[in-house]
Structure formats: structure tokens, C-alpha cells
């Protein structure tokens, strides 16, 4: 799985839910190859342990690190979607005589 739109010179922290197998694991591995710091969550503890290497305990995070994670994983996607709403709501091509929306947002 490639992630061609992730600039390697700006790789940051990525949170991957469902990162212990399937698409989530593939995304995790691709982001790690790009030099991102990846935080992985999953339901199966054994599979999750096999999928990840270094970890950082929550009690070792400084407040600034926690705030960075929140900005990256909560505020940034919300701001991105907000900025794209006008374009996503604009009528697009006709399908079966009806105007269809131009796009959708999928946050993983």
C-alpha cells in the first residue's frame, strides 16, 4: 500500500485505529516507512503487540505532547473537513438525471 500524498519531509504523528491487521496494518507499515511516528490501536492484544515495536507509556507524555496529539488527530481532521465542505456540497455531474454531490469524507 502506498501513500503518495504524504510528504516525507513533513512526516509527523499518525494514529491508526485497527492497526493490527488488514488495511490498518498496511497503512501503519507504509507510514513507518515514510518516517512517521505511528500510534496504533487494535482490539486483539497479541496481534497488536506483534504489529508494533517501540511504545511510549501515557504517563511519560508531557502536556505539550498530549496537546500535539489532540491537534493532529482531532482538530486537524475537523479543520480539513470544514474547509472542504463548500466544495463537497457543490452539485456535480448528473447521474440518472439528478445532480450528485462531488465527494465524501472518510476518516480512518
Foldseek 3Di string as FASTA:
>chain_A
DEDVVDDLVPAEEEEFEQCLDDPNVVVVVNSVVSVHHYHYHYDDVVSVVVSDDDDDDPVPDDPVRVVVCCCVPPVVVVVVCVVCVVQQQDFDDDDPNHTDGDDDDDDD
